[in-house]
């Protein structure tokens, strides 16, 4: 069984890969073998928004939304959004 730290590291990688922090996007686009969002929430005893906050990935609403986000190494990646 993975530790809570390992679960959060995996989740952070997946959220950055997917490009979205919504629970719906994560569950539908996660890689095979990754646990569902409800399992993560239950294991950590946190709501989905709280889990996302702990990962330090900046929350945004959809895959098309671009944001500044924090990678696992602490570097920031900026995607420009036409307004």
PDB file of N, CA and C in Angstrom:
ATOM      1  N   UNK A   1       0.840  -1.178   0.000  1.00  0.00           N
ATOM      2  CA  UNK A   1       0.000   0.000   0.000  1.00  0.00           C
ATOM      3  C   UNK A   1       0.890   1.248   0.000  1.00  0.00           C
ATOM      4  N   UNK A   2       0.541   2.215  -0.834  1.00  0.00           N
ATOM      5  CA  UNK A   2       1.312   3.451  -0.934  1.00  0.00           C
ATOM      6  C   UNK A   2       1.078   4.343   0.275  1.00  0.00           C
ATOM      7  N   UNK A   3       2.117   5.098   0.611  1.00  0.00           N
ATOM      8  CA  UNK A   3       1.976   6.071   1.695  1.00  0.00           C
ATOM      9  C   UNK A   3       1.176   7.269   1.182  1.00  0.00           C
ATOM     10  N   UNK A   4       0.706   8.093   2.104  1.00  0.00           N
ATOM     11  CA  UNK A   4      -0.026   9.303   1.716  1.00  0.00           C
ATOM     12  C   UNK A   4       0.850  10.215   0.862  1.00  0.00           C
ATOM     13  N   UNK A   5       2.138  10.290   1.191  1.00  0.00           N
ATOM     14  CA  UNK A   5       3.065  11.116   0.426  1.00  0.00           C
ATOM     15  C   UNK A   5       3.175  10.608  -1.013  1.00  0.00           C
ATOM     16  N   UNK A   6       3.271   9.306  -1.193  1.00  0.00           N
ATOM     17  CA  UNK A   6       3.364   8.723  -2.536  1.00  0.00           C
ATOM     18  C   UNK A   6       2.070   8.962  -3.325  1.00  0.00           C
ATOM     19  N   UNK A   7       0.939   8.858  -2.659  1.00  0.00           N
ATOM     20  CA  UNK A   7      -0.343   9.117  -3.312  1.00  0.00           C
ATOM     21  C   UNK A   7      -0.392  10.557  -3.808  1.00  0.00           C
ATOM     22  N   UNK A   8       0.036  11.495  -2.968  1.00  0.00           N
ATOM     23  CA  UNK A   8       0.023  12.907  -3.356  1.00  0.00           C
ATOM     24  C   UNK A   8       1.013  13.197  -4.486  1.00  0.00           C
ATOM     25  N   UNK A   9       2.169  12.551  -4.469  1.00  0.00           N
ATOM     26  CA  UNK A   9       3.135  12.728  -5.558  1.00  0.00           C
ATOM     27  C   UNK A   9       2.562  12.213  -6.877  1.00  0.00           C
ATOM     28  N   UNK A  10       1.940  11.040  -6.848  1.00  0.00           N
ATOM     29  CA  UNK A  10       1.308  10.486  -8.050  1.00  0.00           C
ATOM     30  C   UNK A  10       0.192  11.400  -8.544  1.00  0.00           C
ATOM     31  N   UNK A  11      -0.609  11.886  -7.611  1.00  0.00           N
ATOM     32  CA  UNK A  11      -1.714  12.769  -7.974  1.00  0.00           C
ATOM     33  C   UNK A  11      -1.193  14.058  -8.607  1.00  0.00           C
ATOM     34  N   UNK A  12      -0.155  14.633  -8.034  1.00  0.00           N
ATOM     35  CA  UNK A  12       0.417  15.862  -8.584  1.00  0.00           C
ATOM     36  C   UNK A  12       0.881  15.645 -10.021  1.00  0.00           C
ATOM     37  N   UNK A  13       1.581  14.551 -10.264  1.00  0.00           N
ATOM     38  CA  UNK A  13       2.031  14.242 -11.632  1.00  0.00           C
ATOM     39  C   UNK A  13       0.841  14.110 -12.590  1.00  0.00           C
ATOM     40  N   UNK A  14      -0.194  13.426 -12.138  1.00  0.00           N
ATOM     41  CA  UNK A  14      -1.373  13.225 -12.992  1.00  0.00           C
ATOM     42  C   UNK A  14      -2.091  14.539 -13.276  1.00  0.00           C
ATOM     43  N   UNK A  15      -2.258  15.379 -12.265  1.00  0.00           N
ATOM     44  CA  UNK A  15      -2.938  16.661 -12.468  1.00  0.00           C
ATOM     45  C   UNK A  15      -2.167  17.531 -13.457  1.00  0.00           C
ATOM     46  N   UNK A  16      -0.848  17.540 -13.344  1.00  0.00           N
ATOM     47  CA  UNK A  16      -0.031  18.321 -14.278  1.00  0.00           C
ATOM     48  C   UNK A  16      -0.102  17.732 -15.682  1.00  0.00           C
ATOM     49  N   UNK A  17      -0.088  16.412 -15.793  1.00  0.00           N
ATOM     50  CA  UNK A  17      -0.182  15.755 -17.104  1.00  0.00           C
ATOM     51  C   UNK A  17      -1.532  16.040 -17.762  1.00  0.00           C
ATOM     52  N   UNK A  18      -2.593  15.934 -16.970  1.00  0.00           N
ATOM     53  CA  UNK A  18      -3.951  16.147 -17.483  1.00  0.00           C
ATOM     54  C   UNK A  18      -4.184  17.614 -17.820  1.00  0.00           C
ATOM     55  N   UNK A  19      -3.651  18.503 -16.996  1.00  0.00           N
ATOM     56  CA  UNK A  19      -3.848  19.932 -17.216  1.00  0.00           C
ATOM     57  C   UNK A  19      -5.129  20.463 -16.614  1.00  0.00           C
ATOM     58  N   UNK A  20      -5.659  19.745 -15.643  1.00  0.00           N
ATOM     59  CA  UNK A  20      -6.887  20.163 -14.978  1.00  0.00           C
ATOM     60  C   UNK A  20      -6.885  19.640 -13.552  1.00  0.00           C
ATOM     61  N   UNK A  21      -7.527  20.393 -12.676  1.00  0.00           N
ATOM     62  CA  UNK A  21      -7.624  19.938 -11.293  1.00  0.00           C
ATOM     63  C   UNK A  21      -9.047  19.550 -10.904  1.00  0.00           C
ATOM     64  N   UNK A  22      -9.964  19.538 -11.860  1.00  0.00           N
ATOM     65  CA  UNK A  22     -11.334  19.159 -11.504  1.00  0.00           C
ATOM     66  C   UNK A  22     -11.409  17.657 -11.247  1.00  0.00           C
ATOM     67  N   UNK A  23     -12.254  17.304 -10.328  1.00  0.00           N
ATOM     68  CA  UNK A  23     -12.427  15.907  -9.960  1.00  0.00           C
ATOM     69  C   UNK A  23     -12.930  15.096 -11.156  1.00  0.00           C
ATOM     70  N   UNK A  24     -13.843  15.651 -11.909  1.00  0.00           N
ATOM     71  CA  UNK A  24     -14.412  14.969 -13.075  1.00  0.00           C
ATOM     72  C   UNK A  24     -13.325  14.689 -14.118  1.00  0.00           C
ATOM     73  N   UNK A  25     -12.501  15.695 -14.420  1.00  0.00           N
ATOM     74  CA  UNK A  25     -11.431  15.507 -15.401  1.00  0.00           C
ATOM     75  C   UNK A  25     -10.422  14.476 -14.921  1.00  0.00           C
ATOM     76  N   UNK A  26     -10.058  14.550 -13.648  1.00  0.00           N
ATOM     77  CA  UNK A  26      -9.091  13.587 -13.114  1.00  0.00           C
ATOM     78  C   UNK A  26      -9.615  12.165 -13.264  1.00  0.00           C
ATOM     79  N   UNK A  27     -10.852  11.925 -12.836  1.00  0.00           N
ATOM     80  CA  UNK A  27     -11.398  10.565 -12.891  1.00  0.00           C
ATOM     81  C   UNK A  27     -11.542  10.044 -14.316  1.00  0.00           C
ATOM     82  N   UNK A  28     -11.858  10.922 -15.258  1.00  0.00           N
ATOM     83  CA  UNK A  28     -12.052  10.453 -16.631  1.00  0.00           C
ATOM     84  C   UNK A  28     -10.745  10.346 -17.421  1.00  0.00           C
ATOM     85  N   UNK A  29      -9.700  11.069 -17.006  1.00  0.00           N
ATOM     86  CA  UNK A  29      -8.463  11.096 -17.788  1.00  0.00           C
ATOM     87  C   UNK A  29      -7.244  10.504 -17.077  1.00  0.00           C
ATOM     88  N   UNK A  30      -7.428  10.011 -15.865  1.00  0.00           N
ATOM     89  CA  UNK A  30      -6.294   9.445 -15.131  1.00  0.00           C
ATOM     90  C   UNK A  30      -5.770   8.204 -15.854  1.00  0.00           C
ATOM     91  N   UNK A  31      -4.476   7.946 -15.657  1.00  0.00           N
ATOM     92  CA  UNK A  31      -3.876   6.759 -16.252  1.00  0.00           C
ATOM     93  C   UNK A  31      -4.425   5.507 -15.592  1.00  0.00           C
ATOM     94  N   UNK A  32      -4.448   4.433 -16.376  1.00  0.00           N
ATOM     95  CA  UNK A  32      -4.886   3.155 -15.844  1.00  0.00           C
ATOM     96  C   UNK A  32      -3.994   2.781 -14.658  1.00  0.00           C
ATOM     97  N   UNK A  33      -4.592   2.316 -13.610  1.00  0.00           N
ATOM     98  CA  UNK A  33      -3.847   1.941 -12.419  1.00  0.00           C
ATOM     99  C   UNK A  33      -3.840   3.013 -11.343  1.00  0.00           C
ATOM    100  N   UNK A  34      -4.184   4.250 -11.698  1.00  0.00           N
ATOM    101  CA  UNK A  34      -4.286   5.311 -10.698  1.00  0.00           C
ATOM    102  C   UNK A  34      -5.628   5.172  -9.986  1.00  0.00           C
ATOM    103  N   UNK A  35      -5.649   5.489  -8.710  1.00  0.00           N
ATOM    104  CA  UNK A  35      -6.881   5.355  -7.937  1.00  0.00           C
ATOM    105  C   UNK A  35      -7.839   6.507  -8.241  1.00  0.00           C
ATOM    106  N   UNK A  36      -9.107   6.273  -8.026  1.00  0.00           N
ATOM    107  CA  UNK A  36     -10.125   7.297  -8.242  1.00  0.00           C
ATOM    108  C   UNK A  36     -10.029   8.390  -7.180  1.00  0.00           C
ATOM    109  N   UNK A  37     -10.546   9.543  -7.518  1.00  0.00           N
ATOM    110  CA  UNK A  37     -10.502  10.701  -6.626  1.00  0.00           C
ATOM    111  C   UNK A  37     -11.184  10.416  -5.291  1.00  0.00           C
ATOM    112  N   UNK A  38     -12.274   9.683  -5.319  1.00  0.00           N
ATOM    113  CA  UNK A  38     -12.993   9.388  -4.075  1.00  0.00           C
ATOM    114  C   UNK A  38     -12.138   8.544  -3.131  1.00  0.00           C
ATOM    115  N   UNK A  39     -11.330   7.657  -3.690  1.00  0.00           N
ATOM    116  CA  UNK A  39     -10.433   6.836  -2.876  1.00  0.00           C
ATOM    117  C   UNK A  39      -9.373   7.709  -2.224  1.00  0.00           C
ATOM    118  N   UNK A  40      -8.824   8.651  -2.991  1.00  0.00           N
ATOM    119  CA  UNK A  40      -7.817   9.572  -2.456  1.00  0.00           C
ATOM    120  C   UNK A  40      -8.421  10.397  -1.324  1.00  0.00           C
ATOM    121  N   UNK A  41      -9.607  10.944  -1.559  1.00  0.00           N
ATOM    122  CA  UNK A  41     -10.275  11.768  -0.540  1.00  0.00           C
ATOM    123  C   UNK A  41     -10.538  10.964   0.730  1.00  0.00           C
ATOM    124  N   UNK A  42     -11.012   9.754   0.563  1.00  0.00           N
ATOM    125  CA  UNK A  42     -11.314   8.899   1.715  1.00  0.00           C
ATOM    126  C   UNK A  42     -10.037   8.566   2.483  1.00  0.00           C
ATOM    127  N   UNK A  43      -8.990   8.234   1.736  1.00  0.00           N
ATOM    128  CA  UNK A  43      -7.724   7.859   2.375  1.00  0.00           C
ATOM    129  C   UNK A  43      -7.117   9.024   3.157  1.00  0.00           C
ATOM    130  N   UNK A  44      -7.171  10.224   2.575  1.00  0.00           N
ATOM    131  CA  UNK A  44      -6.570  11.391   3.219  1.00  0.00           C
ATOM    132  C   UNK A  44      -7.520  12.121   4.158  1.00  0.00           C
ATOM    133  N   UNK A  45      -8.797  11.720   4.135  1.00  0.00           N
ATOM    134  CA  UNK A  45      -9.835  12.354   4.954  1.00  0.00           C
ATOM    135  C   UNK A  45      -9.945  13.849   4.656  1.00  0.00           C
ATOM    136  N   UNK A  46      -9.923  14.160   3.341  1.00  0.00           N
ATOM    137  CA  UNK A  46     -10.032  15.537   2.859  1.00  0.00           C
ATOM    138  C   UNK A  46     -11.022  15.597   1.715  1.00  0.00           C
ATOM    139  N   UNK A  47     -11.581  16.784   1.477  1.00  0.00           N
ATOM    140  CA  UNK A  47     -12.421  16.987   0.297  1.00  0.00           C
ATOM    141  C   UNK A  47     -11.508  17.129  -0.910  1.00  0.00           C
ATOM    142  N   UNK A  48     -12.066  17.006  -2.130  1.00  0.00           N
ATOM    143  CA  UNK A  48     -11.248  17.143  -3.340  1.00  0.00           C
ATOM    144  C   UNK A  48     -10.547  18.503  -3.412  1.00  0.00           C
ATOM    145  N   UNK A  49     -11.234  19.628  -3.157  1.00  0.00           N
ATOM    146  CA  UNK A  49     -10.522  20.914  -3.191  1.00  0.00           C
ATOM    147  C   UNK A  49      -9.364  20.975  -2.191  1.00  0.00           C
ATOM    148  N   UNK A  50      -9.528  20.355  -1.029  1.00  0.00           N
ATOM    149  CA  UNK A  50      -8.448  20.324  -0.040  1.00  0.00           C
ATOM    150  C   UNK A  50      -7.274  19.475  -0.524  1.00  0.00           C
ATOM    151  N   UNK A  51      -7.586  18.349  -1.164  1.00  0.00           N
ATOM    152  CA  UNK A  51      -6.537  17.482  -1.714  1.00  0.00           C
ATOM    153  C   UNK A  51      -5.742  18.240  -2.772  1.00  0.00           C
ATOM    154  N   UNK A  52      -6.438  18.930  -3.681  1.00  0.00           N
ATOM    155  CA  UNK A  52      -5.765  19.695  -4.731  1.00  0.00           C
ATOM    156  C   UNK A  52      -4.874  20.771  -4.112  1.00  0.00           C
ATOM    157  N   UNK A  53      -5.365  21.421  -3.080  1.00  0.00           N
ATOM    158  CA  UNK A  53      -4.575  22.465  -2.415  1.00  0.00           C
ATOM    159  C   UNK A  53      -3.281  21.889  -1.840  1.00  0.00           C
ATOM    160  N   UNK A  54      -3.346  20.704  -1.262  1.00  0.00           N
ATOM    161  CA  UNK A  54      -2.174  20.058  -0.683  1.00  0.00           C
ATOM    162  C   UNK A  54      -1.129  19.734  -1.763  1.00  0.00           C
ATOM    163  N   UNK A  55      -1.556  19.461  -2.986  1.00  0.00           N
ATOM    164  CA  UNK A  55      -0.613  19.128  -4.066  1.00  0.00           C
ATOM    165  C   UNK A  55       0.161  20.348  -4.544  1.00  0.00           C
ATOM    166  N   UNK A  56      -0.298  21.543  -4.213  1.00  0.00           N
ATOM    167  CA  UNK A  56       0.319  22.799  -4.660  1.00  0.00           C
ATOM    168  C   UNK A  56       0.160  23.042  -6.155  1.00  0.00           C
ATOM    169  N   UNK A  57      -0.738  22.314  -6.803  1.00  0.00           N
ATOM    170  CA  UNK A  57      -1.063  22.583  -8.203  1.00  0.00           C
ATOM    171  C   UNK A  57      -2.164  23.621  -8.182  1.00  0.00           C
ATOM    172  N   UNK A  58      -1.973  24.720  -8.890  1.00  0.00           N
ATOM    173  CA  UNK A  58      -2.968  25.786  -8.870  1.00  0.00           C
ATOM    174  C   UNK A  58      -4.259  25.286  -9.520  1.00  0.00           C
ATOM    175  N   UNK A  59      -5.347  25.471  -8.822  1.00  0.00           N
ATOM    176  CA  UNK A  59      -6.645  24.991  -9.291  1.00  0.00           C
ATOM    177  C   UNK A  59      -7.127  25.794 -10.483  1.00  0.00           C
ATOM    178  N   UNK A  60      -7.709  25.101 -11.440  1.00  0.00           N
ATOM    179  CA  UNK A  60      -8.413  25.740 -12.545  1.00  0.00           C
ATOM    180  C   UNK A  60      -9.530  24.822 -12.992  1.00  0.00           C
ATOM    181  N   UNK A  61     -10.445  25.372 -13.769  1.00  0.00           N
ATOM    182  CA  UNK A  61     -11.701  24.686 -14.005  1.00  0.00           C
ATOM    183  C   UNK A  61     -11.693  23.617 -15.088  1.00  0.00           C
ATOM    184  N   UNK A  62     -10.919  23.790 -16.133  1.00  0.00           N
ATOM    185  CA  UNK A  62     -11.034  22.833 -17.216  1.00  0.00           C
ATOM    186  C   UNK A  62      -9.705  22.631 -17.917  1.00  0.00           C
ATOM    187  N   UNK A  63      -9.676  21.647 -18.766  1.00  0.00           N
ATOM    188  CA  UNK A  63      -8.476  21.313 -19.511  1.00  0.00           C
ATOM    189  C   UNK A  63      -8.044  22.482 -20.385  1.00  0.00           C
ATOM    190  N   UNK A  64      -8.982  23.230 -20.921  1.00  0.00           N
ATOM    191  CA  UNK A  64      -8.639  24.337 -21.807  1.00  0.00           C
ATOM    192  C   UNK A  64      -8.119  25.554 -21.057  1.00  0.00           C
ATOM    193  N   UNK A  65      -8.342  25.618 -19.752  1.00  0.00           N
ATOM    194  CA  UNK A  65      -7.860  26.747 -18.956  1.00  0.00           C
ATOM    195  C   UNK A  65      -6.365  26.632 -18.730  1.00  0.00           C
ATOM    196  N   UNK A  66      -5.636  27.693 -18.964  1.00  0.00           N
ATOM    197  CA  UNK A  66      -4.199  27.678 -18.733  1.00  0.00           C
ATOM    198  C   UNK A  66      -3.894  28.466 -17.467  1.00  0.00           C
ATOM    199  N   UNK A  67      -2.954  27.990 -16.729  1.00  0.00           N
ATOM    200  CA  UNK A  67      -2.619  28.616 -15.458  1.00  0.00           C
ATOM    201  C   UNK A  67      -1.120  28.525 -15.231  1.00  0.00           C
ATOM    202  N   UNK A  68      -0.671  29.213 -14.212  1.00  0.00           N
ATOM    203  CA  UNK A  68       0.674  28.980 -13.712  1.00  0.00           C
ATOM    204  C   UNK A  68       0.535  27.851 -12.706  1.00  0.00           C
ATOM    205  N   UNK A  69       1.352  26.840 -12.850  1.00  0.00           N
ATOM    206  CA  UNK A  69       1.207  25.691 -11.967  1.00  0.00           C
ATOM    207  C   UNK A  69       2.569  25.275 -11.432  1.00  0.00           C
ATOM    208  N   UNK A  70       2.563  24.621 -10.321  1.00  0.00           N
ATOM    209  CA  UNK A  70       3.793  24.216  -9.664  1.00  0.00           C
ATOM    210  C   UNK A  70       4.108  22.772 -10.015  1.00  0.00           C
ATOM    211  N   UNK A  71       5.309  22.519 -10.465  1.00  0.00           N
ATOM    212  CA  UNK A  71       5.717  21.160 -10.775  1.00  0.00           C
ATOM    213  C   UNK A  71       6.260  20.491  -9.515  1.00  0.00           C
ATOM    214  N   UNK A  72       6.602  19.223  -9.624  1.00  0.00           N
ATOM    215  CA  UNK A  72       7.138  18.488  -8.490  1.00  0.00           C
ATOM    216  C   UNK A  72       8.473  19.054  -8.033  1.00  0.00           C
ATOM    217  N   UNK A  73       9.221  19.671  -8.936  1.00  0.00           N
ATOM    218  CA  UNK A  73      10.532  20.221  -8.588  1.00  0.00           C
ATOM    219  C   UNK A  73      10.441  21.666  -8.109  1.00  0.00           C
ATOM    220  N   UNK A  74       9.248  22.232  -8.070  1.00  0.00           N
ATOM    221  CA  UNK A  74       9.079  23.586  -7.573  1.00  0.00           C
ATOM    222  C   UNK A  74       9.230  24.658  -8.634  1.00  0.00           C
ATOM    223  N   UNK A  75       9.398  24.268  -9.895  1.00  0.00           N
ATOM    224  CA  UNK A  75       9.484  25.266 -10.952  1.00  0.00           C
ATOM    225  C   UNK A  75       8.087  25.581 -11.457  1.00  0.00           C
ATOM    226  N   UNK A  76       7.914  26.785 -11.904  1.00  0.00           N
ATOM    227  CA  UNK A  76       6.610  27.202 -12.368  1.00  0.00           C
ATOM    228  C   UNK A  76       6.555  27.171 -13.878  1.00  0.00           C
ATOM    229  N   UNK A  77       5.459  26.685 -14.397  1.00  0.00           N
ATOM    230  CA  UNK A  77       5.235  26.597 -15.836  1.00  0.00           C
ATOM    231  C   UNK A  77       4.092  27.528 -16.165  1.00  0.00           C
ATOM    232  N   UNK A  78       4.294  28.431 -17.107  1.00  0.00           N
ATOM    233  CA  UNK A  78       3.252  29.384 -17.434  1.00  0.00           C
ATOM    234  C   UNK A  78       2.712  29.081 -18.833  1.00  0.00           C
ATOM    235  N   UNK A  79       1.410  29.000 -18.925  1.00  0.00           N
ATOM    236  CA  UNK A  79       0.731  28.858 -20.213  1.00  0.00           C
ATOM    237  C   UNK A  79      -0.061  30.115 -20.455  1.00  0.00           C
ATOM    238  N   UNK A  80       0.106  30.733 -21.610  1.00  0.00           N
ATOM    239  CA  UNK A  80      -0.607  31.963 -21.923  1.00  0.00           C
ATOM    240  C   UNK A  80      -2.025  31.661 -22.362  1.00  0.00           C
ATOM    241  N   UNK A  81      -2.936  32.471 -21.900  1.00  0.00           N
ATOM    242  CA  UNK A  81      -4.339  32.345 -22.260  1.00  0.00           C
ATOM    243  C   UNK A  81      -4.762  33.576 -23.020  1.00  0.00           C
ATOM    244  N   UNK A  82      -5.210  33.396 -24.283  1.00  0.00           N
ATOM    245  CA  UNK A  82      -5.746  34.578 -24.994  1.00  0.00           C
ATOM    246  C   UNK A  82      -7.021  35.051 -24.322  1.00  0.00           C
ATOM    247  N   UNK A  83      -7.150  36.359 -24.179  1.00  0.00           N
ATOM    248  CA  UNK A  83      -8.336  36.887 -23.487  1.00  0.00           C
ATOM    249  C   UNK A  83      -9.267  37.566 -24.441  1.00  0.00           C
TER     250      UNK A  83
END
